[in-house]
N, C-alpha and C. Protein backbone atom coordinates (compact mmCIF):
# COMPACT_ATOMS: atom_id res chain seq x y z
N THR A 1 -59.30 1.11 33.76
CA THR A 1 -58.73 1.91 32.70
C THR A 1 -57.70 1.10 31.92
N THR A 2 -57.45 1.50 30.70
CA THR A 2 -56.48 0.79 29.88
C THR A 2 -55.08 1.20 30.25
N ALA A 3 -54.11 0.41 29.79
CA ALA A 3 -52.71 0.74 30.07
C ALA A 3 -52.37 2.10 29.49
N GLU A 4 -52.97 2.37 28.29
CA GLU A 4 -52.70 3.67 27.66
C GLU A 4 -53.23 4.81 28.52
N ALA A 5 -54.38 4.61 29.13
CA ALA A 5 -54.95 5.67 29.96
C ALA A 5 -54.15 5.86 31.22
N ASP A 6 -53.48 4.80 31.69
CA ASP A 6 -52.69 4.91 32.90
C ASP A 6 -51.38 5.64 32.69
N GLU A 7 -50.98 5.76 31.42
CA GLU A 7 -49.72 6.44 31.12
C GLU A 7 -49.96 7.95 31.07
N VAL A 8 -49.22 8.67 31.85
CA VAL A 8 -49.36 10.12 31.90
C VAL A 8 -48.11 10.74 31.31
N GLU A 9 -48.30 11.49 30.24
CA GLU A 9 -47.14 12.17 29.69
C GLU A 9 -46.66 13.20 30.69
N ALA A 10 -45.40 13.12 31.09
CA ALA A 10 -44.89 14.01 32.12
C ALA A 10 -44.98 15.47 31.71
N ARG A 11 -44.91 15.74 30.40
CA ARG A 11 -44.99 17.13 29.98
C ARG A 11 -46.36 17.73 30.23
N GLU A 12 -47.39 16.88 30.47
CA GLU A 12 -48.73 17.38 30.73
C GLU A 12 -48.95 17.66 32.21
N VAL A 13 -48.01 17.27 33.05
CA VAL A 13 -48.15 17.48 34.48
C VAL A 13 -47.77 18.91 34.80
N ALA A 14 -48.69 19.68 35.36
CA ALA A 14 -48.43 21.05 35.75
C ALA A 14 -48.80 21.19 37.21
N ALA A 15 -47.82 21.09 38.08
CA ALA A 15 -48.10 21.15 39.51
C ALA A 15 -46.87 21.62 40.24
N PRO A 16 -47.04 22.30 41.38
CA PRO A 16 -45.88 22.64 42.19
C PRO A 16 -45.08 21.40 42.52
N GLY A 17 -43.77 21.55 42.57
CA GLY A 17 -42.92 20.41 42.90
C GLY A 17 -42.31 19.75 41.69
N VAL A 18 -42.93 19.93 40.53
CA VAL A 18 -42.35 19.33 39.33
C VAL A 18 -42.04 20.39 38.28
N SER A 19 -42.35 21.65 38.56
CA SER A 19 -42.15 22.70 37.57
C SER A 19 -40.69 22.90 37.22
N VAL A 20 -39.79 22.43 38.07
CA VAL A 20 -38.37 22.56 37.79
C VAL A 20 -37.98 21.85 36.51
N PHE A 21 -38.79 20.90 36.06
CA PHE A 21 -38.48 20.13 34.85
C PHE A 21 -39.25 20.62 33.64
N SER A 22 -39.71 21.85 33.64
CA SER A 22 -40.58 22.32 32.57
C SER A 22 -39.92 22.26 31.20
N ASP A 23 -38.59 22.30 31.14
CA ASP A 23 -37.91 22.32 29.85
C ASP A 23 -37.71 20.93 29.25
N ASP A 24 -37.70 19.88 30.08
CA ASP A 24 -37.33 18.58 29.53
C ASP A 24 -38.22 17.45 30.01
N LEU A 25 -39.41 17.76 30.50
CA LEU A 25 -40.29 16.70 30.97
C LEU A 25 -40.75 15.77 29.86
N SER A 26 -40.74 16.25 28.61
CA SER A 26 -41.32 15.47 27.53
C SER A 26 -40.62 14.15 27.28
N SER A 27 -39.44 13.96 27.84
CA SER A 27 -38.71 12.72 27.61
C SER A 27 -39.10 11.63 28.59
N PHE A 28 -40.04 11.89 29.51
CA PHE A 28 -40.42 10.93 30.52
C PHE A 28 -41.89 10.56 30.42
N THR A 29 -42.20 9.32 30.74
CA THR A 29 -43.57 8.85 30.85
C THR A 29 -43.73 8.19 32.20
N LEU A 30 -44.76 8.61 32.95
CA LEU A 30 -45.02 8.06 34.27
C LEU A 30 -46.22 7.14 34.19
N GLN A 31 -46.15 5.98 34.80
CA GLN A 31 -47.24 5.02 34.78
C GLN A 31 -47.89 4.93 36.16
N SER A 32 -49.21 5.12 36.21
CA SER A 32 -50.00 4.93 37.42
C SER A 32 -49.43 5.70 38.61
N VAL A 33 -49.02 6.94 38.37
CA VAL A 33 -48.39 7.72 39.42
C VAL A 33 -49.34 7.98 40.57
N TYR A 34 -50.62 8.16 40.30
CA TYR A 34 -51.56 8.58 41.32
C TYR A 34 -52.36 7.43 41.90
N ARG A 35 -51.84 6.21 41.87
CA ARG A 35 -52.52 5.12 42.54
C ARG A 35 -52.64 5.41 44.02
N ALA A 36 -53.83 5.28 44.56
CA ALA A 36 -54.10 5.70 45.94
C ALA A 36 -53.22 4.97 46.95
N ASP A 37 -52.82 3.74 46.65
CA ASP A 37 -52.04 2.98 47.62
C ASP A 37 -50.54 3.18 47.43
N GLN A 38 -50.15 4.02 46.47
CA GLN A 38 -48.73 4.23 46.22
C GLN A 38 -48.43 5.70 46.00
N LEU A 39 -48.97 6.57 46.86
CA LEU A 39 -48.71 7.99 46.73
C LEU A 39 -47.23 8.25 46.93
N GLU A 40 -46.63 8.93 46.01
CA GLU A 40 -45.22 9.25 46.08
C GLU A 40 -44.99 10.56 45.35
N SER A 41 -44.01 11.31 45.79
CA SER A 41 -43.74 12.59 45.19
C SER A 41 -43.48 12.45 43.69
N LEU A 42 -44.25 13.17 42.87
CA LEU A 42 -44.00 13.19 41.43
C LEU A 42 -42.58 13.66 41.15
N PHE A 43 -42.17 14.66 41.90
CA PHE A 43 -40.82 15.19 41.75
C PHE A 43 -39.78 14.10 41.95
N LYS A 44 -39.97 13.25 42.97
CA LYS A 44 -39.03 12.16 43.24
C LYS A 44 -39.06 11.14 42.11
N VAL A 45 -40.24 10.82 41.62
CA VAL A 45 -40.35 9.84 40.54
C VAL A 45 -39.63 10.32 39.29
N ILE A 46 -39.86 11.58 38.93
CA ILE A 46 -39.25 12.12 37.71
C ILE A 46 -37.74 12.22 37.87
N LEU A 47 -37.29 12.69 39.04
CA LEU A 47 -35.85 12.80 39.26
C LEU A 47 -35.19 11.43 39.22
N GLY A 48 -35.87 10.41 39.78
CA GLY A 48 -35.34 9.06 39.74
C GLY A 48 -35.23 8.52 38.33
N LEU A 49 -36.24 8.82 37.50
CA LEU A 49 -36.19 8.38 36.11
C LEU A 49 -35.03 9.04 35.36
N LYS A 50 -34.74 10.26 35.73
CA LYS A 50 -33.71 11.00 35.01
C LYS A 50 -32.31 10.66 35.48
N TYR A 51 -32.12 10.52 36.81
CA TYR A 51 -30.78 10.36 37.37
C TYR A 51 -30.53 9.02 38.04
N GLY A 52 -31.55 8.20 38.19
CA GLY A 52 -31.37 6.86 38.74
C GLY A 52 -30.80 6.85 40.14
N ASN A 53 -29.79 6.00 40.36
CA ASN A 53 -29.22 5.81 41.69
C ASN A 53 -28.39 6.99 42.18
N PHE A 54 -28.19 8.01 41.33
CA PHE A 54 -27.47 9.19 41.78
C PHE A 54 -28.30 10.00 42.78
N VAL A 55 -29.63 9.80 42.78
CA VAL A 55 -30.50 10.58 43.66
C VAL A 55 -30.40 10.06 45.10
N LEU A 56 -30.10 10.95 46.03
CA LEU A 56 -30.03 10.61 47.45
C LEU A 56 -31.38 10.82 48.12
N TYR A 57 -32.02 11.93 47.81
CA TYR A 57 -33.40 12.15 48.25
C TYR A 57 -34.03 13.23 47.36
N ALA A 58 -35.34 13.24 47.31
CA ALA A 58 -36.07 14.24 46.53
C ALA A 58 -37.48 14.34 47.08
N GLU A 59 -37.96 15.56 47.21
CA GLU A 59 -39.31 15.76 47.74
C GLU A 59 -39.94 16.98 47.06
N GLY A 60 -41.15 16.80 46.54
CA GLY A 60 -41.87 17.88 45.88
C GLY A 60 -43.07 18.38 46.66
N PHE A 61 -43.36 17.78 47.82
CA PHE A 61 -44.44 18.23 48.71
C PHE A 61 -45.81 18.25 48.04
N GLU A 62 -46.04 17.28 47.13
CA GLU A 62 -47.35 17.22 46.48
C GLU A 62 -48.42 16.64 47.40
N PHE A 63 -48.01 15.72 48.29
CA PHE A 63 -48.97 15.03 49.15
C PHE A 63 -48.59 15.23 50.61
N ALA A 64 -49.43 15.90 51.37
CA ALA A 64 -49.12 16.17 52.77
C ALA A 64 -48.94 14.89 53.57
N SER A 65 -49.65 13.83 53.18
CA SER A 65 -49.59 12.57 53.93
C SER A 65 -48.43 11.68 53.53
N ALA A 66 -47.65 12.10 52.55
CA ALA A 66 -46.60 11.22 52.04
C ALA A 66 -45.25 11.92 51.94
N VAL A 67 -45.03 12.95 52.76
CA VAL A 67 -43.73 13.63 52.78
C VAL A 67 -42.67 12.68 53.34
N ASN A 68 -41.51 12.70 52.73
CA ASN A 68 -40.38 11.87 53.17
C ASN A 68 -40.26 11.92 54.70
N SER A 69 -40.28 10.75 55.33
CA SER A 69 -40.26 10.68 56.80
C SER A 69 -38.94 11.19 57.37
N ALA A 70 -37.89 11.29 56.55
CA ALA A 70 -36.61 11.80 57.02
C ALA A 70 -36.57 13.33 57.02
N ILE A 71 -37.64 13.97 56.54
CA ILE A 71 -37.75 15.42 56.57
C ILE A 71 -38.60 15.80 57.78
N SER A 72 -38.07 16.65 58.64
CA SER A 72 -38.83 17.11 59.80
C SER A 72 -39.01 18.62 59.71
N TYR A 73 -40.12 19.12 60.25
CA TYR A 73 -40.35 20.57 60.23
C TYR A 73 -41.15 20.98 61.45
N SER A 74 -41.10 22.26 61.76
CA SER A 74 -41.71 22.80 62.96
C SER A 74 -43.22 22.65 62.91
N GLU A 75 -43.85 22.73 64.08
CA GLU A 75 -45.29 22.50 64.17
C GLU A 75 -46.10 23.53 63.40
N ASN A 76 -45.57 24.74 63.24
CA ASN A 76 -46.33 25.77 62.53
C ASN A 76 -46.10 25.74 61.02
N ALA A 77 -45.20 24.89 60.54
CA ALA A 77 -45.03 24.70 59.10
C ALA A 77 -46.05 23.67 58.62
N PHE A 78 -46.47 23.78 57.36
CA PHE A 78 -47.49 22.86 56.87
C PHE A 78 -47.39 22.71 55.35
N VAL A 79 -47.84 21.56 54.85
CA VAL A 79 -47.85 21.27 53.42
C VAL A 79 -49.23 21.61 52.87
N SER A 80 -49.26 22.43 51.84
CA SER A 80 -50.52 22.81 51.21
C SER A 80 -50.23 23.34 49.82
N GLY A 81 -51.06 22.96 48.86
CA GLY A 81 -50.93 23.46 47.50
C GLY A 81 -49.67 23.04 46.79
N GLY A 82 -49.04 21.97 47.24
CA GLY A 82 -47.81 21.51 46.60
C GLY A 82 -46.57 22.19 47.12
N TYR A 83 -46.68 22.89 48.25
CA TYR A 83 -45.53 23.55 48.86
C TYR A 83 -45.45 23.21 50.34
N LEU A 84 -44.23 23.27 50.88
CA LEU A 84 -44.06 23.30 52.32
C LEU A 84 -44.06 24.76 52.72
N ASN A 85 -45.10 25.18 53.43
CA ASN A 85 -45.25 26.57 53.82
C ASN A 85 -44.51 26.82 55.13
N LEU A 86 -43.63 27.82 55.12
CA LEU A 86 -42.83 28.17 56.28
C LEU A 86 -43.20 29.58 56.73
N PRO A 87 -44.08 29.70 57.71
CA PRO A 87 -44.44 31.02 58.24
C PRO A 87 -43.31 31.56 59.11
N PRO A 88 -43.43 32.81 59.61
CA PRO A 88 -42.39 33.33 60.51
C PRO A 88 -42.14 32.39 61.68
N ASP A 89 -40.85 32.29 62.06
CA ASP A 89 -40.41 31.46 63.18
C ASP A 89 -40.70 29.98 62.93
N SER A 90 -40.35 29.51 61.74
CA SER A 90 -40.54 28.09 61.40
C SER A 90 -39.27 27.56 60.76
N TRP A 91 -39.20 26.24 60.61
CA TRP A 91 -37.99 25.62 60.07
C TRP A 91 -38.31 24.26 59.45
N VAL A 92 -37.37 23.79 58.63
CA VAL A 92 -37.42 22.44 58.10
C VAL A 92 -36.01 21.89 58.08
N GLU A 93 -35.86 20.63 58.47
CA GLU A 93 -34.57 19.94 58.48
C GLU A 93 -34.62 18.83 57.44
N LEU A 94 -33.66 18.85 56.53
CA LEU A 94 -33.65 17.90 55.41
C LEU A 94 -32.90 16.64 55.79
N PRO A 95 -33.07 15.55 55.03
CA PRO A 95 -32.39 14.29 55.35
C PRO A 95 -30.87 14.44 55.35
N ASP A 96 -30.20 13.59 56.14
CA ASP A 96 -28.74 13.67 56.17
C ASP A 96 -28.13 12.92 54.99
N PHE A 97 -26.87 13.19 54.74
CA PHE A 97 -26.15 12.57 53.63
C PHE A 97 -24.67 12.53 53.97
N ALA A 98 -23.93 11.72 53.24
CA ALA A 98 -22.49 11.60 53.44
C ALA A 98 -21.75 12.42 52.39
N LEU A 99 -20.57 12.89 52.76
CA LEU A 99 -19.65 13.52 51.82
C LEU A 99 -18.41 12.64 51.78
N ASP A 100 -18.31 11.83 50.74
CA ASP A 100 -17.15 10.94 50.63
C ASP A 100 -16.43 11.22 49.33
N GLU A 101 -16.30 10.22 48.46
CA GLU A 101 -15.55 10.45 47.23
C GLU A 101 -16.38 11.12 46.15
N TYR A 102 -17.67 11.29 46.38
CA TYR A 102 -18.55 11.87 45.37
C TYR A 102 -19.00 13.26 45.77
N MET A 103 -19.08 14.16 44.79
CA MET A 103 -19.68 15.45 45.03
C MET A 103 -21.18 15.28 45.22
N VAL A 104 -21.77 16.11 46.08
CA VAL A 104 -23.20 16.10 46.30
C VAL A 104 -23.76 17.46 45.91
N GLU A 105 -24.83 17.44 45.12
CA GLU A 105 -25.52 18.67 44.75
C GLU A 105 -26.86 18.72 45.47
N ILE A 106 -27.06 19.77 46.27
CA ILE A 106 -28.31 20.00 46.96
C ILE A 106 -29.04 21.12 46.23
N GLN A 107 -30.27 20.88 45.85
CA GLN A 107 -31.05 21.90 45.16
C GLN A 107 -32.29 22.25 45.97
N THR A 108 -32.53 23.54 46.12
CA THR A 108 -33.74 24.02 46.76
C THR A 108 -34.48 24.93 45.79
N ARG A 109 -35.79 24.86 45.82
CA ARG A 109 -36.60 25.68 44.93
C ARG A 109 -37.76 26.26 45.73
N PHE A 110 -37.85 27.59 45.75
CA PHE A 110 -38.91 28.29 46.44
C PHE A 110 -39.89 28.90 45.44
N HIS A 111 -41.04 29.31 45.94
CA HIS A 111 -42.01 29.99 45.08
C HIS A 111 -41.36 31.26 44.53
N PRO A 112 -41.44 31.51 43.23
CA PRO A 112 -40.72 32.65 42.62
C PRO A 112 -41.18 34.01 43.11
N GLU A 113 -42.37 34.10 43.71
CA GLU A 113 -42.87 35.39 44.16
C GLU A 113 -42.56 35.68 45.62
N ASP A 114 -41.94 34.72 46.32
CA ASP A 114 -41.69 34.90 47.74
C ASP A 114 -40.42 35.71 47.99
N GLN A 115 -40.45 36.50 49.05
CA GLN A 115 -39.28 37.26 49.49
C GLN A 115 -38.47 36.41 50.46
N LEU A 116 -37.20 36.17 50.15
CA LEU A 116 -36.38 35.26 50.95
C LEU A 116 -35.44 35.99 51.90
N SER A 117 -35.56 37.30 52.02
CA SER A 117 -34.59 38.08 52.78
C SER A 117 -34.53 37.71 54.25
N ASP A 118 -35.61 37.14 54.80
CA ASP A 118 -35.63 36.76 56.21
C ASP A 118 -35.40 35.27 56.43
N SER A 119 -34.94 34.58 55.40
CA SER A 119 -34.71 33.14 55.50
C SER A 119 -33.22 32.84 55.62
N SER A 120 -32.91 31.62 56.00
CA SER A 120 -31.51 31.19 56.03
C SER A 120 -31.44 29.70 55.72
N ILE A 121 -30.33 29.30 55.10
CA ILE A 121 -30.05 27.90 54.80
C ILE A 121 -28.70 27.57 55.41
N VAL A 122 -28.66 26.56 56.27
CA VAL A 122 -27.47 26.24 57.04
C VAL A 122 -27.05 24.80 56.76
N LEU A 123 -25.74 24.59 56.56
CA LEU A 123 -25.20 23.23 56.46
C LEU A 123 -24.67 22.84 57.84
N LEU A 124 -25.14 21.69 58.33
CA LEU A 124 -24.73 21.18 59.63
C LEU A 124 -23.95 19.89 59.45
N GLN A 125 -22.96 19.66 60.31
CA GLN A 125 -22.21 18.41 60.32
C GLN A 125 -22.38 17.73 61.67
N GLU A 126 -22.61 16.43 61.61
CA GLU A 126 -22.77 15.64 62.82
C GLU A 126 -21.45 15.54 63.57
N ASP A 127 -21.53 15.72 64.90
CA ASP A 127 -20.37 15.45 65.74
C ASP A 127 -20.82 14.61 66.92
N GLY A 128 -19.99 14.44 67.90
CA GLY A 128 -20.32 13.53 68.99
C GLY A 128 -21.49 13.99 69.84
N GLU A 129 -21.84 15.27 69.79
CA GLU A 129 -22.90 15.79 70.65
C GLU A 129 -24.11 16.28 69.88
N GLY A 130 -24.14 16.08 68.59
CA GLY A 130 -25.26 16.55 67.78
C GLY A 130 -24.76 17.03 66.43
N TYR A 131 -25.14 18.26 66.06
CA TYR A 131 -24.71 18.85 64.79
C TYR A 131 -24.12 20.23 65.04
N ARG A 132 -23.08 20.57 64.28
CA ARG A 132 -22.50 21.90 64.37
C ARG A 132 -22.57 22.57 63.00
N GLU A 133 -22.59 23.89 63.00
CA GLU A 133 -22.74 24.65 61.76
C GLU A 133 -21.42 24.70 60.98
N ILE A 134 -21.50 24.41 59.68
CA ILE A 134 -20.35 24.58 58.79
C ILE A 134 -20.43 25.95 58.11
N PHE A 135 -21.58 26.27 57.54
CA PHE A 135 -21.79 27.60 56.96
C PHE A 135 -23.28 27.89 56.94
N ALA A 136 -23.59 29.18 56.75
CA ALA A 136 -24.98 29.62 56.64
C ALA A 136 -25.08 30.62 55.50
N VAL A 137 -26.18 30.55 54.76
CA VAL A 137 -26.46 31.50 53.69
C VAL A 137 -27.79 32.17 54.02
N SER A 138 -27.77 33.48 54.15
CA SER A 138 -28.99 34.20 54.44
C SER A 138 -29.69 34.61 53.15
N GLY A 139 -30.98 34.87 53.27
CA GLY A 139 -31.75 35.24 52.09
C GLY A 139 -31.37 36.57 51.49
N ASP A 140 -30.65 37.40 52.25
CA ASP A 140 -30.21 38.67 51.70
C ASP A 140 -28.78 38.61 51.17
N GLY A 141 -28.24 37.38 50.99
CA GLY A 141 -26.99 37.22 50.26
C GLY A 141 -25.73 37.18 51.08
N VAL A 142 -25.83 36.94 52.39
CA VAL A 142 -24.64 36.89 53.24
C VAL A 142 -24.25 35.43 53.48
N LEU A 143 -23.02 35.09 53.16
CA LEU A 143 -22.46 33.77 53.47
C LEU A 143 -21.60 33.92 54.72
N SER A 144 -21.86 33.10 55.73
CA SER A 144 -21.11 33.21 56.98
C SER A 144 -20.69 31.83 57.46
N SER A 145 -19.69 31.83 58.36
CA SER A 145 -19.23 30.61 58.99
C SER A 145 -18.81 30.95 60.41
N ALA A 146 -19.28 30.19 61.38
CA ALA A 146 -18.98 30.45 62.79
C ALA A 146 -19.38 31.86 63.18
N GLY A 147 -20.47 32.35 62.57
CA GLY A 147 -20.98 33.66 62.90
C GLY A 147 -20.28 34.82 62.22
N LEU A 148 -19.24 34.56 61.43
CA LEU A 148 -18.49 35.61 60.76
C LEU A 148 -18.89 35.68 59.29
N ALA A 149 -19.24 36.87 58.81
CA ALA A 149 -19.63 37.04 57.41
C ALA A 149 -18.41 36.92 56.51
N LEU A 150 -18.51 36.07 55.48
CA LEU A 150 -17.42 35.87 54.54
C LEU A 150 -17.62 36.68 53.27
N ILE A 151 -18.87 36.82 52.85
CA ILE A 151 -19.19 37.55 51.64
C ILE A 151 -20.62 38.05 51.75
N ARG A 152 -20.88 39.22 51.17
CA ARG A 152 -22.21 39.82 51.27
C ARG A 152 -22.82 40.12 49.90
N GLN A 153 -22.32 39.48 48.89
CA GLN A 153 -22.78 39.81 47.55
C GLN A 153 -23.31 38.60 46.79
N LEU A 154 -23.70 37.56 47.49
CA LEU A 154 -24.25 36.40 46.80
C LEU A 154 -25.60 36.76 46.19
N ARG A 155 -25.85 36.21 45.01
CA ARG A 155 -27.14 36.43 44.36
C ARG A 155 -28.07 35.29 44.78
N ILE A 156 -29.07 35.62 45.55
CA ILE A 156 -30.01 34.63 46.05
C ILE A 156 -31.26 34.64 45.18
N SER A 157 -31.54 33.49 44.57
CA SER A 157 -32.70 33.36 43.69
C SER A 157 -33.61 32.26 44.24
N PRO A 158 -34.83 32.14 43.71
CA PRO A 158 -35.72 31.07 44.17
C PRO A 158 -35.16 29.67 43.97
N GLU A 159 -34.25 29.50 43.02
CA GLU A 159 -33.63 28.20 42.76
C GLU A 159 -32.14 28.28 43.12
N LEU A 160 -31.72 27.46 44.06
CA LEU A 160 -30.33 27.46 44.50
C LEU A 160 -29.74 26.05 44.39
N THR A 161 -28.49 25.98 43.96
CA THR A 161 -27.78 24.71 43.91
C THR A 161 -26.50 24.82 44.72
N PHE A 162 -26.38 23.99 45.75
CA PHE A 162 -25.18 23.93 46.59
C PHE A 162 -24.39 22.69 46.17
N SER A 163 -23.21 22.89 45.59
CA SER A 163 -22.34 21.78 45.20
C SER A 163 -21.28 21.60 46.27
N LEU A 164 -21.24 20.41 46.86
CA LEU A 164 -20.36 20.15 48.00
C LEU A 164 -19.43 18.99 47.73
N ASN A 165 -18.21 19.13 48.20
CA ASN A 165 -17.27 18.02 48.15
C ASN A 165 -16.34 18.12 49.34
N ARG A 166 -15.77 17.01 49.75
CA ARG A 166 -14.89 16.98 50.91
C ARG A 166 -13.59 16.27 50.55
N ARG A 167 -12.49 16.85 51.03
CA ARG A 167 -11.19 16.21 50.89
C ARG A 167 -10.41 16.46 52.17
N ASP A 168 -9.99 15.39 52.80
CA ASP A 168 -9.35 15.50 54.11
C ASP A 168 -10.30 16.21 55.06
N ASN A 169 -9.87 17.30 55.66
CA ASN A 169 -10.72 18.02 56.60
C ASN A 169 -11.18 19.36 56.05
N ARG A 170 -11.41 19.41 54.74
CA ARG A 170 -11.89 20.63 54.11
C ARG A 170 -13.12 20.34 53.27
N ILE A 171 -14.05 21.27 53.26
CA ILE A 171 -15.25 21.17 52.45
C ILE A 171 -15.22 22.26 51.40
N LEU A 172 -15.46 21.88 50.18
CA LEU A 172 -15.57 22.84 49.09
C LEU A 172 -17.04 23.09 48.81
N LEU A 173 -17.44 24.36 48.81
CA LEU A 173 -18.78 24.78 48.43
C LEU A 173 -18.69 25.57 47.14
N ALA A 174 -19.44 25.17 46.13
CA ALA A 174 -19.59 25.95 44.91
C ALA A 174 -21.01 26.50 44.90
N LEU A 175 -21.14 27.83 44.85
CA LEU A 175 -22.45 28.49 44.92
C LEU A 175 -22.37 29.81 44.19
N ASP A 176 -23.34 30.05 43.33
CA ASP A 176 -23.44 31.33 42.60
C ASP A 176 -22.15 31.63 41.84
N GLY A 177 -21.55 30.60 41.24
CA GLY A 177 -20.38 30.79 40.41
C GLY A 177 -19.08 31.01 41.17
N GLU A 178 -19.10 30.87 42.49
CA GLU A 178 -17.90 31.05 43.30
C GLU A 178 -17.64 29.81 44.12
N GLU A 179 -16.38 29.67 44.59
CA GLU A 179 -16.00 28.52 45.41
C GLU A 179 -15.48 28.99 46.76
N PHE A 180 -15.84 28.24 47.80
CA PHE A 180 -15.45 28.59 49.15
C PHE A 180 -14.99 27.32 49.87
N PHE A 181 -14.05 27.49 50.80
CA PHE A 181 -13.53 26.35 51.56
C PHE A 181 -13.83 26.54 53.04
N PHE A 182 -14.18 25.44 53.70
CA PHE A 182 -14.50 25.48 55.12
C PHE A 182 -13.82 24.31 55.82
N PRO A 183 -13.35 24.52 57.04
CA PRO A 183 -12.80 23.39 57.79
C PRO A 183 -13.92 22.45 58.22
N ALA A 184 -13.63 21.17 58.23
CA ALA A 184 -14.62 20.17 58.64
C ALA A 184 -13.99 19.28 59.70
N GLY A 185 -14.81 18.77 60.57
CA GLY A 185 -14.34 17.87 61.60
C GLY A 185 -14.14 16.46 61.06
N ASP A 186 -14.09 15.49 61.96
CA ASP A 186 -13.97 14.10 61.56
C ASP A 186 -15.19 13.69 60.74
N ASP A 187 -15.08 12.53 60.10
CA ASP A 187 -16.18 12.07 59.25
C ASP A 187 -17.48 12.06 60.03
N GLY A 188 -18.52 12.52 59.39
CA GLY A 188 -19.84 12.54 60.00
C GLY A 188 -20.87 12.89 58.94
N ARG A 189 -22.10 12.66 59.23
CA ARG A 189 -23.17 12.95 58.28
C ARG A 189 -23.45 14.46 58.26
N TYR A 190 -24.05 14.89 57.16
CA TYR A 190 -24.37 16.30 56.97
C TYR A 190 -25.86 16.45 56.69
N ARG A 191 -26.39 17.65 56.95
CA ARG A 191 -27.77 17.93 56.60
C ARG A 191 -27.97 19.44 56.49
N PHE A 192 -29.00 19.83 55.74
CA PHE A 192 -29.34 21.24 55.59
C PHE A 192 -30.54 21.58 56.46
N PHE A 193 -30.50 22.79 57.00
CA PHE A 193 -31.55 23.31 57.88
C PHE A 193 -32.01 24.64 57.29
N ILE A 194 -33.29 24.77 56.98
CA ILE A 194 -33.84 25.98 56.38
C ILE A 194 -34.82 26.59 57.37
N SER A 195 -34.73 27.90 57.56
CA SER A 195 -35.62 28.55 58.52
C SER A 195 -36.11 29.90 57.99
N GLN A 196 -37.24 30.32 58.54
CA GLN A 196 -37.78 31.65 58.30
C GLN A 196 -37.76 32.39 59.63
N ASP A 197 -37.14 33.57 59.65
CA ASP A 197 -36.92 34.30 60.89
C ASP A 197 -38.22 34.67 61.59
N SER A 198 -38.16 34.73 62.92
CA SER A 198 -39.35 35.07 63.71
C SER A 198 -39.83 36.49 63.43
N GLY A 199 -38.93 37.37 62.96
CA GLY A 199 -39.32 38.74 62.68
C GLY A 199 -39.86 38.95 61.28
N ALA A 200 -39.93 37.89 60.49
CA ALA A 200 -40.45 38.02 59.12
C ALA A 200 -41.93 38.36 59.14
N GLU A 201 -42.38 39.04 58.12
CA GLU A 201 -43.80 39.40 58.02
C GLU A 201 -44.60 38.40 57.22
N LEU A 202 -43.94 37.67 56.34
CA LEU A 202 -44.64 36.78 55.43
C LEU A 202 -44.04 35.37 55.49
N ARG A 203 -44.78 34.41 55.00
CA ARG A 203 -44.29 33.05 54.88
C ARG A 203 -43.44 32.92 53.62
N ILE A 204 -42.68 31.84 53.53
CA ILE A 204 -42.04 31.44 52.30
C ILE A 204 -42.53 30.03 51.97
N ARG A 205 -42.53 29.70 50.68
CA ARG A 205 -43.06 28.41 50.24
C ARG A 205 -41.97 27.62 49.54
N LEU A 206 -41.65 26.47 50.11
CA LEU A 206 -40.62 25.60 49.56
C LEU A 206 -41.27 24.64 48.58
N ASP A 207 -40.89 24.75 47.31
CA ASP A 207 -41.49 23.95 46.24
C ASP A 207 -40.90 22.55 46.21
N SER A 208 -39.58 22.43 46.27
CA SER A 208 -38.94 21.12 46.18
C SER A 208 -37.53 21.18 46.73
N VAL A 209 -37.04 20.02 47.14
CA VAL A 209 -35.66 19.87 47.59
C VAL A 209 -35.14 18.54 47.04
N SER A 210 -33.84 18.50 46.78
CA SER A 210 -33.26 17.24 46.29
C SER A 210 -31.77 17.22 46.58
N ALA A 211 -31.24 16.01 46.64
CA ALA A 211 -29.80 15.81 46.79
C ALA A 211 -29.40 14.67 45.86
N ALA A 212 -28.31 14.86 45.14
CA ALA A 212 -27.85 13.83 44.20
C ALA A 212 -26.34 13.87 44.10
N ASN A 213 -25.74 12.71 43.85
CA ASN A 213 -24.31 12.66 43.55
C ASN A 213 -24.09 13.20 42.15
N ALA A 214 -23.12 14.08 42.01
CA ALA A 214 -22.84 14.68 40.72
C ALA A 214 -22.06 13.72 39.84
N PRO A 215 -22.14 13.88 38.51
CA PRO A 215 -21.36 13.04 37.59
C PRO A 215 -19.87 13.16 37.86
N GLU A 216 -19.11 12.16 37.46
CA GLU A 216 -17.69 12.08 37.79
C GLU A 216 -16.89 13.26 37.26
N GLU A 217 -17.27 13.81 36.11
CA GLU A 217 -16.47 14.89 35.57
C GLU A 217 -16.51 16.12 36.48
N PHE A 218 -17.63 16.34 37.16
CA PHE A 218 -17.71 17.46 38.09
C PHE A 218 -16.90 17.17 39.34
N VAL A 219 -16.89 15.92 39.77
CA VAL A 219 -16.07 15.55 40.92
C VAL A 219 -14.60 15.79 40.62
N ASP A 220 -14.14 15.33 39.46
CA ASP A 220 -12.74 15.52 39.09
C ASP A 220 -12.38 17.00 39.03
N ARG A 221 -13.27 17.83 38.49
CA ARG A 221 -13.01 19.25 38.38
C ARG A 221 -12.88 19.87 39.77
N ALA A 222 -13.74 19.45 40.69
CA ALA A 222 -13.69 20.01 42.05
C ALA A 222 -12.41 19.59 42.76
N LEU A 223 -12.01 18.33 42.60
CA LEU A 223 -10.79 17.85 43.25
C LEU A 223 -9.57 18.57 42.72
N ASP A 224 -9.53 18.85 41.42
CA ASP A 224 -8.41 19.57 40.83
C ASP A 224 -8.31 20.99 41.39
N ALA A 225 -9.44 21.56 41.79
CA ALA A 225 -9.45 22.93 42.29
C ALA A 225 -8.98 23.04 43.73
N LEU A 226 -8.97 21.92 44.46
CA LEU A 226 -8.57 21.97 45.86
C LEU A 226 -7.07 22.20 45.99
N PRO A 227 -6.66 23.02 46.95
CA PRO A 227 -5.21 23.26 47.14
C PRO A 227 -4.53 22.02 47.67
N ASP A 228 -3.26 21.86 47.34
CA ASP A 228 -2.49 20.71 47.81
C ASP A 228 -2.21 20.81 49.31
């Protein structure tokens, strides 16, 4: 094929995992994305083109054989149709990341028709014996920490953005237009854990996940908001 034929206008790509860019895909051109020896998440490629080295990880689950090796999931979860399918009593653990001088934005995107009320998203911090829970967000809008509900009115949508920053031994979470503070232990890596409850009747479908360092102006804004 010619070089022109190898160029795929990103705006023409319509597939799970990349739909998050439906408004601005036209500014990107992907070359030889589907070469058999270089299968890679389209979502990751597009995010890398847009944000460069700010991207910590990105996965669109387009290829079951090429899911990021740092992502682990339960035996009953499976990749199909461009989604990570999470049936009842299943889970997925995302890659770890550091919280240092930069804010980190974690984005999750589920199928818009799925009911998330039986799901949960948990932030874990590494300690000497494994990982401990910092906070949990349930699909029915409850934010909790150490098993205690902090708020029950969060608006949970198929697309969620968790903005995180750390200063001293405190973690700032910005979610759904609100800010929350949590105590944190000594320096350690962090990761998100997503699960579907064993009592759920239906599966949920995870379209894409990503983590990126936020631009400096957002970091400065978050630091200014922290109490002295």
